[in-house]
Amino acid sequence: MTDPVIYHICRTEDWKAAVATGHYLGSAQDRRDGFIHFATARQVADTVARHFAGESGLVLLAVDRARLGPDLRWEPSAKGELFPHLYTRMVVTAVIGSRPLPLGTDGRHAIPPLGREGFL
């Protein structure tokens, strides 16, 4: 839980709407679960493959976790791995960059280089 940058995968149109309002409420799944799902750099590839397989029109957000405040919690998944969850809306100023997640010819998402330098 020392990663200064965490990631969120969302639909491009949802991110554009968030930028227009100044805050992001999460995906439909996030709202059902009661928190916004994030992943560490090490967890991104698995997360996108497991939960967004074959889905186009996605964007990967790089988020400065220090800007999220006390409502960010690290909680275990069903397999016991800790994932960051945000129990409030996210201000768009917490996002340090975004990159599209295009589908390759093999149907897998092309994940950009991760880390602060890959998004600035």
PDB file of N, CA and C in Angstrom:
ATOM      1  N   MET A   1       0.814  -1.179   0.000  1.00  0.00           N
ATOM      2  CA  MET A   1       0.000   0.000   0.000  1.00  0.00           C
ATOM      3  C   MET A   1       0.863   1.250   0.000  1.00  0.00           C
ATOM      4  N   THR A   2       2.008   1.127  -0.595  1.00  0.00           N
ATOM      5  CA  THR A   2       2.913   2.261  -0.672  1.00  0.00           C
ATOM      6  C   THR A   2       2.941   2.893  -2.057  1.00  0.00           C
ATOM      7  N   ASP A   3       2.217   2.313  -3.007  1.00  0.00           N
ATOM      8  CA  ASP A   3       2.200   2.870  -4.354  1.00  0.00           C
ATOM      9  C   ASP A   3       1.598   4.275  -4.330  1.00  0.00           C
ATOM     10  N   PRO A   4       2.339   5.294  -4.775  1.00  0.00           N
ATOM     11  CA  PRO A   4       1.779   6.641  -4.772  1.00  0.00           C
ATOM     12  C   PRO A   4       0.727   6.842  -5.863  1.00  0.00           C
ATOM     13  N   VAL A   5       0.782   6.012  -6.902  1.00  0.00           N
ATOM     14  CA  VAL A   5      -0.180   6.102  -8.000  1.00  0.00           C
ATOM     15  C   VAL A   5      -0.983   4.810  -8.041  1.00  0.00           C
ATOM     16  N   ILE A   6      -2.310   4.957  -8.100  1.00  0.00           N
ATOM     17  CA  ILE A   6      -3.201   3.821  -8.300  1.00  0.00           C
ATOM     18  C   ILE A   6      -4.012   4.091  -9.555  1.00  0.00           C
ATOM     19  N   TYR A   7      -4.765   3.096 -10.023  1.00  0.00           N
ATOM     20  CA  TYR A   7      -5.407   3.188 -11.330  1.00  0.00           C
ATOM     21  C   TYR A   7      -6.877   2.830 -11.259  1.00  0.00           C
ATOM     22  N   HIS A   8      -7.631   3.459 -12.155  1.00  0.00           N
ATOM     23  CA  HIS A   8      -9.050   3.144 -12.302  1.00  0.00           C
ATOM     24  C   HIS A   8      -9.357   2.998 -13.790  1.00  0.00           C
ATOM     25  N   ILE A   9     -10.135   2.001 -14.115  1.00  0.00           N
ATOM     26  CA  ILE A   9     -10.550   1.744 -15.495  1.00  0.00           C
ATOM     27  C   ILE A   9     -12.011   2.163 -15.616  1.00  0.00           C
ATOM     28  N   CYS A  10     -12.314   2.970 -16.627  1.00  0.00           N
ATOM     29  CA  CYS A  10     -13.706   3.385 -16.814  1.00  0.00           C
ATOM     30  C   CYS A  10     -13.989   3.628 -18.291  1.00  0.00           C
ATOM     31  N   ARG A  11     -15.245   3.848 -18.571  1.00  0.00           N
ATOM     32  CA  ARG A  11     -15.653   4.169 -19.949  1.00  0.00           C
ATOM     33  C   ARG A  11     -15.271   5.615 -20.251  1.00  0.00           C
ATOM     34  N   THR A  12     -14.817   5.840 -21.453  1.00  0.00           N
ATOM     35  CA  THR A  12     -14.373   7.172 -21.864  1.00  0.00           C
ATOM     36  C   THR A  12     -15.461   8.213 -21.658  1.00  0.00           C
ATOM     37  N   GLU A  13     -16.697   7.883 -22.006  1.00  0.00           N
ATOM     38  CA  GLU A  13     -17.781   8.862 -21.862  1.00  0.00           C
ATOM     39  C   GLU A  13     -18.050   9.195 -20.395  1.00  0.00           C
ATOM     40  N   ASP A  14     -17.870   8.223 -19.501  1.00  0.00           N
ATOM     41  CA  ASP A  14     -18.043   8.491 -18.070  1.00  0.00           C
ATOM     42  C   ASP A  14     -16.955   9.446 -17.564  1.00  0.00           C
ATOM     43  N   TRP A  15     -15.728   9.258 -18.056  1.00  0.00           N
ATOM     44  CA  TRP A  15     -14.644  10.143 -17.636  1.00  0.00           C
ATOM     45  C   TRP A  15     -14.860  11.552 -18.172  1.00  0.00           C
ATOM     46  N   LYS A  16     -15.312  11.677 -19.415  1.00  0.00           N
ATOM     47  CA  LYS A  16     -15.588  13.000 -19.978  1.00  0.00           C
ATOM     48  C   LYS A  16     -16.671  13.716 -19.176  1.00  0.00           C
ATOM     49  N   ALA A  17     -17.693  12.996 -18.762  1.00  0.00           N
ATOM     50  CA  ALA A  17     -18.754  13.583 -17.942  1.00  0.00           C
ATOM     51  C   ALA A  17     -18.206  14.031 -16.590  1.00  0.00           C
ATOM     52  N   ALA A  18     -17.311  13.239 -16.013  1.00  0.00           N
ATOM     53  CA  ALA A  18     -16.708  13.596 -14.732  1.00  0.00           C
ATOM     54  C   ALA A  18     -15.883  14.875 -14.854  1.00  0.00           C
ATOM     55  N   VAL A  19     -15.113  14.982 -15.914  1.00  0.00           N
ATOM     56  CA  VAL A  19     -14.296  16.182 -16.124  1.00  0.00           C
ATOM     57  C   VAL A  19     -15.202  17.417 -16.213  1.00  0.00           C
ATOM     58  N   ALA A  20     -16.349  17.266 -16.854  1.00  0.00           N
ATOM     59  CA  ALA A  20     -17.278  18.393 -16.999  1.00  0.00           C
ATOM     60  C   ALA A  20     -17.874  18.830 -15.663  1.00  0.00           C
ATOM     61  N   THR A  21     -18.050  17.891 -14.730  1.00  0.00           N
ATOM     62  CA  THR A  21     -18.669  18.221 -13.443  1.00  0.00           C
ATOM     63  C   THR A  21     -17.659  18.433 -12.318  1.00  0.00           C
ATOM     64  N   GLY A  22     -16.427  17.941 -12.511  1.00  0.00           N
ATOM     65  CA  GLY A  22     -15.409  18.094 -11.485  1.00  0.00           C
ATOM     66  C   GLY A  22     -15.294  16.924 -10.532  1.00  0.00           C
ATOM     67  N   HIS A  23     -16.179  15.933 -10.686  1.00  0.00           N
ATOM     68  CA  HIS A  23     -16.088  14.756  -9.825  1.00  0.00           C
ATOM     69  C   HIS A  23     -16.604  13.513 -10.563  1.00  0.00           C
ATOM     70  N   TYR A  24     -16.137  12.380 -10.102  1.00  0.00           N
ATOM     71  CA  TYR A  24     -16.471  11.085 -10.707  1.00  0.00           C
ATOM     72  C   TYR A  24     -17.147  10.225  -9.643  1.00  0.00           C
ATOM     73  N   LEU A  25     -18.321   9.716  -9.980  1.00  0.00           N
ATOM     74  CA  LEU A  25     -19.095   8.913  -9.032  1.00  0.00           C
ATOM     75  C   LEU A  25     -18.819   7.423  -9.150  1.00  0.00           C
ATOM     76  N   GLY A  26     -18.067   7.033 -10.158  1.00  0.00           N
ATOM     77  CA  GLY A  26     -17.776   5.628 -10.374  1.00  0.00           C
ATOM     78  C   GLY A  26     -18.660   5.038 -11.453  1.00  0.00           C
ATOM     79  N   SER A  27     -18.325   3.823 -11.839  1.00  0.00           N
ATOM     80  CA  SER A  27     -19.102   3.097 -12.834  1.00  0.00           C
ATOM     81  C   SER A  27     -20.403   2.601 -12.200  1.00  0.00           C
ATOM     82  N   ALA A  28     -21.270   2.035 -13.004  1.00  0.00           N
ATOM     83  CA  ALA A  28     -22.497   1.432 -12.470  1.00  0.00           C
ATOM     84  C   ALA A  28     -22.146   0.346 -11.454  1.00  0.00           C
ATOM     85  N   GLN A  29     -21.114  -0.449 -11.750  1.00  0.00           N
ATOM     86  CA  GLN A  29     -20.684  -1.493 -10.819  1.00  0.00           C
ATOM     87  C   GLN A  29     -20.156  -0.882  -9.518  1.00  0.00           C
ATOM     88  N   ASP A  30     -19.370   0.184  -9.630  1.00  0.00           N
ATOM     89  CA  ASP A  30     -18.860   0.860  -8.436  1.00  0.00           C
ATOM     90  C   ASP A  30     -20.024   1.327  -7.560  1.00  0.00           C
ATOM     91  N   ARG A  31     -21.018   1.951  -8.178  1.00  0.00           N
ATOM     92  CA  ARG A  31     -22.150   2.474  -7.414  1.00  0.00           C
ATOM     93  C   ARG A  31     -22.938   1.344  -6.755  1.00  0.00           C
ATOM     94  N   ARG A  32     -23.074   0.203  -7.447  1.00  0.00           N
ATOM     95  CA  ARG A  32     -23.733  -0.956  -6.832  1.00  0.00           C
ATOM     96  C   ARG A  32     -22.942  -1.459  -5.625  1.00  0.00           C
ATOM     97  N   ASP A  33     -21.626  -1.475  -5.743  1.00  0.00           N
ATOM     98  CA  ASP A  33     -20.773  -1.978  -4.666  1.00  0.00           C
ATOM     99  C   ASP A  33     -20.603  -0.981  -3.520  1.00  0.00           C
ATOM    100  N   GLY A  34     -20.878   0.300  -3.771  1.00  0.00           N
ATOM    101  CA  GLY A  34     -20.778   1.317  -2.728  1.00  0.00           C
ATOM    102  C   GLY A  34     -19.413   1.952  -2.602  1.00  0.00           C
ATOM    103  N   PHE A  35     -18.530   1.690  -3.557  1.00  0.00           N
ATOM    104  CA  PHE A  35     -17.199   2.296  -3.564  1.00  0.00           C
ATOM    105  C   PHE A  35     -16.632   2.251  -4.972  1.00  0.00           C
ATOM    106  N   ILE A  36     -15.621   3.087  -5.228  1.00  0.00           N
ATOM    107  CA  ILE A  36     -14.946   3.105  -6.522  1.00  0.00           C
ATOM    108  C   ILE A  36     -13.762   2.151  -6.450  1.00  0.00           C
ATOM    109  N   HIS A  37     -13.704   1.231  -7.390  1.00  0.00           N
ATOM    110  CA  HIS A  37     -12.640   0.230  -7.458  1.00  0.00           C
ATOM    111  C   HIS A  37     -11.381   0.832  -8.086  1.00  0.00           C
ATOM    112  N   PHE A  38     -10.237   0.530  -7.503  1.00  0.00           N
ATOM    113  CA  PHE A  38      -8.941   0.910  -8.051  1.00  0.00           C
ATOM    114  C   PHE A  38      -8.049  -0.319  -8.083  1.00  0.00           C
ATOM    115  N   ALA A  39      -6.909  -0.179  -8.717  1.00  0.00           N
ATOM    116  CA  ALA A  39      -5.918  -1.255  -8.774  1.00  0.00           C
ATOM    117  C   ALA A  39      -4.529  -0.633  -8.703  1.00  0.00           C
ATOM    118  N   THR A  40      -3.589  -1.416  -8.227  1.00  0.00           N
ATOM    119  CA  THR A  40      -2.192  -1.000  -8.262  1.00  0.00           C
ATOM    120  C   THR A  40      -1.645  -1.304  -9.659  1.00  0.00           C
ATOM    121  N   ALA A  41      -0.454  -0.827  -9.945  1.00  0.00           N
ATOM    122  CA  ALA A  41       0.170  -1.101 -11.249  1.00  0.00           C
ATOM    123  C   ALA A  41       0.257  -2.608 -11.491  1.00  0.00           C
ATOM    124  N   ARG A  42       0.592  -3.346 -10.460  1.00  0.00           N
ATOM    125  CA  ARG A  42       0.724  -4.793 -10.586  1.00  0.00           C
ATOM    126  C   ARG A  42      -0.629  -5.481 -10.853  1.00  0.00           C
ATOM    127  N   GLN A  43      -1.719  -4.857 -10.466  1.00  0.00           N
ATOM    128  CA  GLN A  43      -3.052  -5.455 -10.580  1.00  0.00           C
ATOM    129  C   GLN A  43      -3.815  -5.049 -11.840  1.00  0.00           C
ATOM    130  N   VAL A  44      -3.341  -4.043 -12.571  1.00  0.00           N
ATOM    131  CA  VAL A  44      -4.098  -3.503 -13.702  1.00  0.00           C
ATOM    132  C   VAL A  44      -4.368  -4.547 -14.780  1.00  0.00           C
ATOM    133  N   ALA A  45      -3.359  -5.245 -15.242  1.00  0.00           N
ATOM    134  CA  ALA A  45      -3.539  -6.199 -16.350  1.00  0.00           C
ATOM    135  C   ALA A  45      -4.569  -7.268 -16.001  1.00  0.00           C
ATOM    136  N   ASP A  46      -4.472  -7.831 -14.818  1.00  0.00           N
ATOM    137  CA  ASP A  46      -5.438  -8.844 -14.382  1.00  0.00           C
ATOM    138  C   ASP A  46      -6.839  -8.266 -14.283  1.00  0.00           C
ATOM    139  N   THR A  47      -6.941  -7.068 -13.728  1.00  0.00           N
ATOM    140  CA  THR A  47      -8.245  -6.425 -13.548  1.00  0.00           C
ATOM    141  C   THR A  47      -8.922  -6.167 -14.886  1.00  0.00           C
ATOM    142  N   VAL A  48      -8.193  -5.600 -15.825  1.00  0.00           N
ATOM    143  CA  VAL A  48      -8.801  -5.299 -17.122  1.00  0.00           C
ATOM    144  C   VAL A  48      -9.185  -6.595 -17.853  1.00  0.00           C
ATOM    145  N   ALA A  49      -8.357  -7.618 -17.752  1.00  0.00           N
ATOM    146  CA  ALA A  49      -8.665  -8.894 -18.410  1.00  0.00           C
ATOM    147  C   ALA A  49      -9.872  -9.570 -17.765  1.00  0.00           C
ATOM    148  N   ARG A  50      -9.970  -9.508 -16.473  1.00  0.00           N
ATOM    149  CA  ARG A  50     -11.045 -10.195 -15.752  1.00  0.00           C
ATOM    150  C   ARG A  50     -12.384  -9.476 -15.853  1.00  0.00           C
ATOM    151  N   HIS A  51     -12.371  -8.147 -15.742  1.00  0.00           N
ATOM    152  CA  HIS A  51     -13.631  -7.411 -15.636  1.00  0.00           C
ATOM    153  C   HIS A  51     -14.038  -6.625 -16.879  1.00  0.00           C
ATOM    154  N   PHE A  52     -13.113  -6.484 -17.842  1.00  0.00           N
ATOM    155  CA  PHE A  52     -13.419  -5.662 -19.018  1.00  0.00           C
ATOM    156  C   PHE A  52     -13.049  -6.360 -20.330  1.00  0.00           C
ATOM    157  N   ALA A  53     -12.932  -7.661 -20.319  1.00  0.00           N
ATOM    158  CA  ALA A  53     -12.503  -8.420 -21.501  1.00  0.00           C
ATOM    159  C   ALA A  53     -13.347  -8.062 -22.725  1.00  0.00           C
ATOM    160  N   GLY A  54     -12.661  -7.684 -23.799  1.00  0.00           N
ATOM    161  CA  GLY A  54     -13.310  -7.392 -25.069  1.00  0.00           C
ATOM    162  C   GLY A  54     -14.072  -6.088 -25.123  1.00  0.00           C
ATOM    163  N   GLU A  55     -14.087  -5.315 -24.060  1.00  0.00           N
ATOM    164  CA  GLU A  55     -14.855  -4.066 -24.021  1.00  0.00           C
ATOM    165  C   GLU A  55     -14.039  -2.927 -24.613  1.00  0.00           C
ATOM    166  N   SER A  56     -14.620  -2.216 -25.546  1.00  0.00           N
ATOM    167  CA  SER A  56     -13.929  -1.076 -26.163  1.00  0.00           C
ATOM    168  C   SER A  56     -14.397   0.220 -25.496  1.00  0.00           C
ATOM    169  N   GLY A  57     -13.719   1.311 -25.834  1.00  0.00           N
ATOM    170  CA  GLY A  57     -14.101   2.621 -25.311  1.00  0.00           C
ATOM    171  C   GLY A  57     -13.720   2.840 -23.862  1.00  0.00           C
ATOM    172  N   LEU A  58     -12.609   2.231 -23.441  1.00  0.00           N
ATOM    173  CA  LEU A  58     -12.175   2.372 -22.050  1.00  0.00           C
ATOM    174  C   LEU A  58     -10.985   3.313 -21.937  1.00  0.00           C
ATOM    175  N   VAL A  59     -10.835   3.870 -20.749  1.00  0.00           N
ATOM    176  CA  VAL A  59      -9.712   4.732 -20.439  1.00  0.00           C
ATOM    177  C   VAL A  59      -9.131   4.278 -19.094  1.00  0.00           C
ATOM    178  N   LEU A  60      -7.816   4.385 -18.980  1.00  0.00           N
ATOM    179  CA  LEU A  60      -7.122   4.070 -17.731  1.00  0.00           C
ATOM    180  C   LEU A  60      -6.727   5.385 -17.081  1.00  0.00           C
ATOM    181  N   LEU A  61      -7.183   5.588 -15.854  1.00  0.00           N
ATOM    182  CA  LEU A  61      -6.861   6.800 -15.102  1.00  0.00           C
ATOM    183  C   LEU A  61      -5.740   6.509 -14.115  1.00  0.00           C
ATOM    184  N   ALA A  62      -4.732   7.350 -14.100  1.00  0.00           N
ATOM    185  CA  ALA A  62      -3.675   7.287 -13.093  1.00  0.00           C
ATOM    186  C   ALA A  62      -4.038   8.310 -12.023  1.00  0.00           C
ATOM    187  N   VAL A  63      -4.099   7.858 -10.782  1.00  0.00           N
ATOM    188  CA  VAL A  63      -4.608   8.678  -9.688  1.00  0.00           C
ATOM    189  C   VAL A  63      -3.548   8.809  -8.594  1.00  0.00           C
ATOM    190  N   ASP A  64      -3.332  10.033  -8.149  1.00  0.00           N
ATOM    191  CA  ASP A  64      -2.447  10.297  -7.018  1.00  0.00           C
ATOM    192  C   ASP A  64      -3.236   9.949  -5.760  1.00  0.00           C
ATOM    193  N   ARG A  65      -2.900   8.829  -5.164  1.00  0.00           N
ATOM    194  CA  ARG A  65      -3.726   8.348  -4.043  1.00  0.00           C
ATOM    195  C   ARG A  65      -3.709   9.292  -2.858  1.00  0.00           C
ATOM    196  N   ALA A  66      -2.664  10.096  -2.702  1.00  0.00           N
ATOM    197  CA  ALA A  66      -2.603  11.051  -1.593  1.00  0.00           C
ATOM    198  C   ALA A  66      -3.702  12.106  -1.705  1.00  0.00           C
ATOM    199  N   ARG A  67      -4.207  12.335  -2.910  1.00  0.00           N
ATOM    200  CA  ARG A  67      -5.257  13.346  -3.117  1.00  0.00           C
ATOM    201  C   ARG A  67      -6.661  12.805  -2.840  1.00  0.00           C
ATOM    202  N   LEU A  68      -6.771  11.523  -2.504  1.00  0.00           N
ATOM    203  CA  LEU A  68      -8.093  10.924  -2.307  1.00  0.00           C
ATOM    204  C   LEU A  68      -8.612  11.050  -0.882  1.00  0.00           C
ATOM    205  N   GLY A  69      -7.731  11.288   0.056  1.00  0.00           N
ATOM    206  CA  GLY A  69      -8.155  11.505   1.431  1.00  0.00           C
ATOM    207  C   GLY A  69      -8.443  10.231   2.206  1.00  0.00           C
ATOM    208  N   PRO A  70      -9.070  10.397   3.372  1.00  0.00           N
ATOM    209  CA  PRO A  70      -9.244   9.286   4.304  1.00  0.00           C
ATOM    210  C   PRO A  70     -10.286   8.244   3.880  1.00  0.00           C
ATOM    211  N   ASP A  71     -11.053   8.527   2.847  1.00  0.00           N
ATOM    212  CA  ASP A  71     -12.072   7.568   2.414  1.00  0.00           C
ATOM    213  C   ASP A  71     -11.509   6.484   1.494  1.00  0.00           C
ATOM    214  N   LEU A  72     -10.193   6.495   1.270  1.00  0.00           N
ATOM    215  CA  LEU A  72      -9.542   5.429   0.515  1.00  0.00           C
ATOM    216  C   LEU A  72      -9.150   4.333   1.500  1.00  0.00           C
ATOM    217  N   ARG A  73      -9.590   3.115   1.202  1.00  0.00           N
ATOM    218  CA  ARG A  73      -9.297   1.973   2.081  1.00  0.00           C
ATOM    219  C   ARG A  73      -8.715   0.832   1.257  1.00  0.00           C
ATOM    220  N   TRP A  74      -7.826   0.087   1.864  1.00  0.00           N
ATOM    221  CA  TRP A  74      -7.242  -1.101   1.236  1.00  0.00           C
ATOM    222  C   TRP A  74      -7.960  -2.310   1.809  1.00  0.00           C
ATOM    223  N   GLU A  75      -8.626  -3.061   0.925  1.00  0.00           N
ATOM    224  CA  GLU A  75      -9.446  -4.175   1.385  1.00  0.00           C
ATOM    225  C   GLU A  75      -9.142  -5.431   0.585  1.00  0.00           C
ATOM    226  N   PRO A  76      -9.294  -6.592   1.226  1.00  0.00           N
ATOM    227  CA  PRO A  76      -8.978  -7.850   0.538  1.00  0.00           C
ATOM    228  C   PRO A  76     -10.047  -8.241  -0.471  1.00  0.00           C
ATOM    229  N   SER A  77      -9.594  -8.794  -1.582  1.00  0.00           N
ATOM    230  CA  SER A  77     -10.502  -9.372  -2.572  1.00  0.00           C
ATOM    231  C   SER A  77     -10.885 -10.765  -2.092  1.00  0.00           C
ATOM    232  N   ALA A  78     -11.670 -11.461  -2.890  1.00  0.00           N
ATOM    233  CA  ALA A  78     -12.068 -12.829  -2.545  1.00  0.00           C
ATOM    234  C   ALA A  78     -10.843 -13.730  -2.373  1.00  0.00           C
ATOM    235  N   LYS A  79      -9.769 -13.425  -3.093  1.00  0.00           N
ATOM    236  CA  LYS A  79      -8.541 -14.229  -2.997  1.00  0.00           C
ATOM    237  C   LYS A  79      -7.570 -13.686  -1.945  1.00  0.00           C
ATOM    238  N   GLY A  80      -7.975 -12.645  -1.236  1.00  0.00           N
ATOM    239  CA  GLY A  80      -7.155 -12.113  -0.159  1.00  0.00           C
ATOM    240  C   GLY A  80      -6.196 -11.002  -0.554  1.00  0.00           C
ATOM    241  N   GLU A  81      -6.080 -10.693  -1.834  1.00  0.00           N
ATOM    242  CA  GLU A  81      -5.186  -9.620  -2.275  1.00  0.00           C
ATOM    243  C   GLU A  81      -5.815  -8.265  -1.953  1.00  0.00           C
ATOM    244  N   LEU A  82      -5.010  -7.335  -1.452  1.00  0.00           N
ATOM    245  CA  LEU A  82      -5.527  -6.020  -1.092  1.00  0.00           C
ATOM    246  C   LEU A  82      -5.682  -5.122  -2.315  1.00  0.00           C
ATOM    247  N   PHE A  83      -6.858  -4.492  -2.420  1.00  0.00           N
ATOM    248  CA  PHE A  83      -7.163  -3.541  -3.485  1.00  0.00           C
ATOM    249  C   PHE A  83      -7.617  -2.230  -2.854  1.00  0.00           C
ATOM    250  N   PRO A  84      -7.288  -1.097  -3.489  1.00  0.00           N
ATOM    251  CA  PRO A  84      -7.764   0.196  -2.990  1.00  0.00           C
ATOM    252  C   PRO A  84      -9.213   0.446  -3.418  1.00  0.00           C
ATOM    253  N   HIS A  85     -10.027   0.917  -2.456  1.00  0.00           N
ATOM    254  CA  HIS A  85     -11.435   1.247  -2.698  1.00  0.00           C
ATOM    255  C   HIS A  85     -11.703   2.634  -2.121  1.00  0.00           C
ATOM    256  N   LEU A  86     -12.392   3.462  -2.878  1.00  0.00           N
ATOM    257  CA  LEU A  86     -12.715   4.811  -2.436  1.00  0.00           C
ATOM    258  C   LEU A  86     -14.197   4.902  -2.099  1.00  0.00           C
ATOM    259  N   TYR A  87     -14.496   5.265  -0.858  1.00  0.00           N
ATOM    260  CA  TYR A  87     -15.865   5.321  -0.368  1.00  0.00           C
ATOM    261  C   TYR A  87     -16.459   6.725  -0.426  1.00  0.00           C
ATOM    262  N   THR A  88     -16.194   7.413  -1.481  1.00  0.00           N
ATOM    263  CA  THR A  88     -16.786   8.720  -1.761  1.00  0.00           C
ATOM    264  C   THR A  88     -16.556   9.004  -3.245  1.00  0.00           C
ATOM    265  N   ARG A  89     -17.104  10.075  -3.729  1.00  0.00           N
ATOM    266  CA  ARG A  89     -16.825  10.442  -5.112  1.00  0.00           C
ATOM    267  C   ARG A  89     -15.374  10.880  -5.233  1.00  0.00           C
ATOM    268  N   MET A  90     -14.836  10.793  -6.424  1.00  0.00           N
ATOM    269  CA  MET A  90     -13.445  11.177  -6.661  1.00  0.00           C
ATOM    270  C   MET A  90     -13.416  12.539  -7.349  1.00  0.00           C
ATOM    271  N   VAL A  91     -12.645  13.461  -6.796  1.00  0.00           N
ATOM    272  CA  VAL A  91     -12.466  14.749  -7.475  1.00  0.00           C
ATOM    273  C   VAL A  91     -11.533  14.521  -8.659  1.00  0.00           C
ATOM    274  N   VAL A  92     -11.828  15.144  -9.777  1.00  0.00           N
ATOM    275  CA  VAL A  92     -11.027  14.910 -10.979  1.00  0.00           C
ATOM    276  C   VAL A  92      -9.600  15.426 -10.824  1.00  0.00           C
ATOM    277  N   THR A  93      -9.370  16.322  -9.890  1.00  0.00           N
ATOM    278  CA  THR A  93      -8.013  16.829  -9.674  1.00  0.00           C
ATOM    279  C   THR A  93      -7.094  15.775  -9.055  1.00  0.00           C
ATOM    280  N   ALA A  94      -7.643  14.660  -8.603  1.00  0.00           N
ATOM    281  CA  ALA A  94      -6.817  13.560  -8.094  1.00  0.00           C
ATOM    282  C   ALA A  94      -6.176  12.771  -9.243  1.00  0.00           C
ATOM    283  N   VAL A  95      -6.714  12.938 -10.438  1.00  0.00           N
ATOM    284  CA  VAL A  95      -6.218  12.194 -11.597  1.00  0.00           C
ATOM    285  C   VAL A  95      -5.043  12.950 -12.213  1.00  0.00           C
ATOM    286  N   ILE A  96      -3.907  12.258 -12.303  1.00  0.00           N
ATOM    287  CA  ILE A  96      -2.710  12.905 -12.850  1.00  0.00           C
ATOM    288  C   ILE A  96      -2.558  12.643 -14.346  1.00  0.00           C
ATOM    289  N   GLY A  97      -3.376  11.761 -14.887  1.00  0.00           N
ATOM    290  CA  GLY A  97      -3.339  11.501 -16.318  1.00  0.00           C
ATOM    291  C   GLY A  97      -4.285  10.397 -16.714  1.00  0.00           C
ATOM    292  N   SER A  98      -4.571  10.336 -17.998  1.00  0.00           N
ATOM    293  CA  SER A  98      -5.442   9.284 -18.525  1.00  0.00           C
ATOM    294  C   SER A  98      -4.897   8.822 -19.868  1.00  0.00           C
ATOM    295  N   ARG A  99      -5.132   7.564 -20.152  1.00  0.00           N
ATOM    296  CA  ARG A  99      -4.699   6.968 -21.413  1.00  0.00           C
ATOM    297  C   ARG A  99      -5.795   6.030 -21.903  1.00  0.00           C
ATOM    298  N   PRO A 100      -6.033   6.007 -23.207  1.00  0.00           N
ATOM    299  CA  PRO A 100      -7.011   5.047 -23.739  1.00  0.00           C
ATOM    300  C   PRO A 100      -6.505   3.616 -23.562  1.00  0.00           C
ATOM    301  N   LEU A 101      -7.435   2.693 -23.481  1.00  0.00           N
ATOM    302  CA  LEU A 101      -7.122   1.265 -23.401  1.00  0.00           C
ATOM    303  C   LEU A 101      -7.687   0.582 -24.648  1.00  0.00           C
ATOM    304  N   PRO A 102      -7.015   0.758 -25.774  1.00  0.00           N
ATOM    305  CA  PRO A 102      -7.538   0.168 -27.015  1.00  0.00           C
ATOM    306  C   PRO A 102      -7.413  -1.350 -27.009  1.00  0.00           C
ATOM    307  N   LEU A 103      -8.286  -1.977 -27.768  1.00  0.00           N
ATOM    308  CA  LEU A 103      -8.208  -3.424 -27.946  1.00  0.00           C
ATOM    309  C   LEU A 103      -7.227  -3.740 -29.063  1.00  0.00           C
ATOM    310  N   GLY A 104      -6.349  -4.699 -28.828  1.00  0.00           N
ATOM    311  CA  GLY A 104      -5.434  -5.153 -29.856  1.00  0.00           C
ATOM    312  C   GLY A 104      -6.129  -6.144 -30.771  1.00  0.00           C
ATOM    313  N   THR A 105      -5.450  -6.560 -31.809  1.00  0.00           N
ATOM    314  CA  THR A 105      -6.032  -7.525 -32.754  1.00  0.00           C
ATOM    315  C   THR A 105      -6.315  -8.863 -32.082  1.00  0.00           C
ATOM    316  N   ASP A 106      -5.660  -9.132 -30.964  1.00  0.00           N
ATOM    317  CA  ASP A 106      -5.890 -10.376 -30.219  1.00  0.00           C
ATOM    318  C   ASP A 106      -7.057 -10.261 -29.244  1.00  0.00           C
ATOM    319  N   GLY A 107      -7.719  -9.082 -29.207  1.00  0.00           N
ATOM    320  CA  GLY A 107      -8.856  -8.879 -28.324  1.00  0.00           C
ATOM    321  C   GLY A 107      -8.480  -8.470 -26.909  1.00  0.00           C
ATOM    322  N   ARG A 108      -7.185  -8.323 -26.643  1.00  0.00           N
ATOM    323  CA  ARG A 108      -6.730  -7.885 -25.323  1.00  0.00           C
ATOM    324  C   ARG A 108      -6.452  -6.386 -25.346  1.00  0.00           C
ATOM    325  N   HIS A 109      -6.582  -5.776 -24.195  1.00  0.00           N
ATOM    326  CA  HIS A 109      -6.316  -4.342 -24.100  1.00  0.00           C
ATOM    327  C   HIS A 109      -4.822  -4.062 -24.115  1.00  0.00           C
ATOM    328  N   ALA A 110      -4.455  -2.994 -24.805  1.00  0.00           N
ATOM    329  CA  ALA A 110      -3.062  -2.539 -24.842  1.00  0.00           C
ATOM    330  C   ALA A 110      -2.860  -1.594 -23.659  1.00  0.00           C
ATOM    331  N   ILE A 111      -2.144  -2.065 -22.652  1.00  0.00           N
ATOM    332  CA  ILE A 111      -1.930  -1.280 -21.435  1.00  0.00           C
ATOM    333  C   ILE A 111      -0.699  -0.403 -21.628  1.00  0.00           C
ATOM    334  N   PRO A 112      -0.851   0.914 -21.403  1.00  0.00           N
ATOM    335  CA  PRO A 112       0.300   1.815 -21.564  1.00  0.00           C
ATOM    336  C   PRO A 112       1.312   1.607 -20.443  1.00  0.00           C
ATOM    337  N   PRO A 113       2.497   2.175 -20.579  1.00  0.00           N
ATOM    338  CA  PRO A 113       3.457   2.111 -19.474  1.00  0.00           C
ATOM    339  C   PRO A 113       2.825   2.735 -18.224  1.00  0.00           C
ATOM    340  N   LEU A 114       2.998   2.076 -17.095  1.00  0.00           N
ATOM    341  CA  LEU A 114       2.395   2.551 -15.868  1.00  0.00           C
ATOM    342  C   LEU A 114       3.412   3.315 -15.027  1.00  0.00           C
ATOM    343  N   GLY A 115       2.921   4.137 -14.133  1.00  0.00           N
ATOM    344  CA  GLY A 115       3.764   4.989 -13.303  1.00  0.00           C
ATOM    345  C   GLY A 115       3.524   6.434 -13.646  1.00  0.00           C
ATOM    346  N   ARG A 116       3.900   7.279 -12.757  1.00  0.00           N
ATOM    347  CA  ARG A 116       3.653   8.720 -12.925  1.00  0.00           C
ATOM    348  C   ARG A 116       4.231   9.231 -14.250  1.00  0.00           C
ATOM    349  N   GLU A 117       5.431   8.798 -14.605  1.00  0.00           N
ATOM    350  CA  GLU A 117       6.072   9.301 -15.823  1.00  0.00           C
ATOM    351  C   GLU A 117       5.353   8.867 -17.096  1.00  0.00           C
ATOM    352  N   GLY A 118       4.623   7.767 -17.056  1.00  0.00           N
ATOM    353  CA  GLY A 118       3.871   7.299 -18.226  1.00  0.00           C
ATOM    354  C   GLY A 118       2.600   8.087 -18.474  1.00  0.00           C
ATOM    355  N   PHE A 119       2.208   8.937 -17.524  1.00  0.00           N
ATOM    356  CA  PHE A 119       0.947   9.644 -17.632  1.00  0.00           C
ATOM    357  C   PHE A 119       1.067  11.150 -17.658  1.00  0.00           C
ATOM    358  N   LEU A 120       2.243  11.673 -17.383  1.00  0.00           N
ATOM    359  CA  LEU A 120       2.374  13.130 -17.375  1.00  0.00           C
ATOM    360  C   LEU A 120       2.746  13.664 -18.734  1.00  0.00           C
TER     361      LEU A 120
END
